[in-house]
Every structure is written in C-alpha cells, then in structure tokens.
Protein backbone atom coordinates (compact mmCIF):
# COMPACT_ATOMS: atom_id res chain seq x y z
CA MET A 1 -3.41 34.67 20.58
CA ALA A 2 -6.54 36.47 21.71
CA ASP A 3 -7.37 40.20 21.92
CA ASN A 4 -7.11 41.87 25.55
CA THR A 5 -9.52 40.37 28.00
CA GLY A 6 -8.78 42.79 30.59
CA THR A 7 -5.96 40.79 32.15
CA LEU A 8 -2.53 41.58 30.86
CA PRO A 9 0.32 38.71 31.07
CA SER A 10 3.10 39.35 33.46
CA PHE A 11 6.27 40.15 31.44
CA ASP A 12 10.24 40.01 32.00
CA ALA A 13 11.05 42.92 29.63
CA VAL A 14 9.75 45.90 28.19
CA LEU A 15 10.58 47.50 24.40
CA ASP A 16 8.91 50.66 23.94
CA THR A 17 8.88 51.54 20.14
CA THR A 18 6.57 54.57 20.63
CA GLY A 19 7.13 56.72 17.87
CA LEU A 20 8.96 54.39 15.54
CA TYR A 21 7.70 53.20 12.11
CA CYS A 22 8.28 50.24 10.19
CA PRO A 23 10.95 48.72 9.95
CA GLU A 24 12.32 49.89 13.33
CA PRO A 25 9.94 48.24 15.44
CA ILE A 26 10.66 44.71 14.17
CA MET A 27 14.46 45.49 14.16
CA LEU A 28 14.40 46.66 17.96
CA MET A 29 12.54 43.36 18.76
CA HIS A 30 14.96 41.40 16.98
CA ASN A 31 17.71 42.78 19.01
CA LYS A 32 15.84 42.87 22.21
CA VAL A 33 14.76 38.79 22.03
CA ARG A 34 18.76 38.22 21.45
CA ASP A 35 19.14 39.25 25.01
CA MET A 36 16.49 37.23 26.52
CA THR A 37 15.85 33.54 27.07
CA SER A 38 13.57 31.12 26.10
CA GLY A 39 10.22 31.17 27.92
CA GLN A 40 10.43 34.60 29.00
CA VAL A 41 7.78 37.19 27.93
CA LEU A 42 8.59 40.70 26.04
CA LYS A 43 6.05 43.36 26.47
CA VAL A 44 5.92 45.63 23.32
CA ILE A 45 4.50 49.22 23.43
CA ALA A 46 4.17 50.55 19.92
CA THR A 47 2.24 53.45 17.88
CA ASP A 48 2.91 52.21 14.19
CA PRO A 49 -0.29 50.84 12.94
CA ALA A 50 1.97 48.33 10.73
CA THR A 51 2.80 46.38 13.87
CA THR A 52 -0.78 44.88 13.99
CA ARG A 53 0.34 42.98 10.91
CA ASP A 54 4.47 42.81 11.49
CA VAL A 55 4.36 41.52 15.18
CA PRO A 56 2.12 38.54 14.79
CA LYS A 57 4.27 37.65 11.44
CA PHE A 58 7.31 38.18 13.40
CA CYS A 59 6.26 35.55 16.24
CA GLN A 60 5.09 33.04 13.39
CA PHE A 61 8.07 32.97 11.49
CA LEU A 62 10.37 32.78 14.62
CA GLY A 63 8.32 30.46 16.40
CA HIS A 64 7.68 32.75 19.30
CA GLU A 65 4.13 32.59 20.99
CA LEU A 66 1.95 36.08 20.72
CA LEU A 67 0.25 35.67 24.13
CA GLU A 68 -1.68 38.77 23.92
CA GLN A 69 -2.34 41.53 21.46
CA ASP A 70 -4.10 44.60 22.77
CA THR A 71 -5.01 47.18 19.73
CA SER A 72 -8.30 48.45 21.20
CA ALA A 73 -6.53 52.12 21.52
CA ALA A 74 -6.22 53.95 18.28
CA ASP A 75 -2.91 55.18 18.92
CA ASN A 76 -1.13 52.61 21.30
CA TYR A 77 -0.67 48.84 20.82
CA LEU A 78 0.48 46.53 23.21
CA TYR A 79 1.94 43.03 22.55
CA PHE A 80 3.27 40.09 24.88
CA ILE A 81 5.28 37.72 23.33
CA ARG A 82 6.83 34.40 24.97
CA LEU A 83 10.19 33.30 23.56
CA ALA A 84 10.48 30.25 21.65
C-alpha cells in the first residue's frame, strides 16, 4: 500500500460512503465485496476519518490488497482495494 503518487488505479466498482460514519462504511464494504469476484478492484469514497484506520484493517483481516490510499484531502478519502 502506498499513498497516491498522482496515478490512481483502474477499478471495477465504486462504493460511495460519503456522509456515513463508522461502522456504516465498513458494513457497506462487506456487502459490496460479496457481489464482486476475486481480483476485481473496488474504489471506496469516504468522508469518515475513521476509515483511515478501518479500511486497512478490513483489508488485512479479509486478505484483500489495499492498492492505493489517498487521504491527502482533509474531507475526502479514496481507497482502491483488490479483492482476494
């Protein structure tokens, strides 16, 4: 996992959790990955600062790869996750 270097990965699906707070973003991520297949990339858009901690733990726990994490904007966070 690396912070954004200017080129964001391509993705297969988007999950917009803007305005939602813990635990809703992670619960929605669980539901979304059930509809996807191994190797696909999910782009997650979030505004909850807790996602900076929760998304990497979600990936580690479930074996997904956090390809990119862009938390440079103070109010908008992007995550790109390759499913295991």
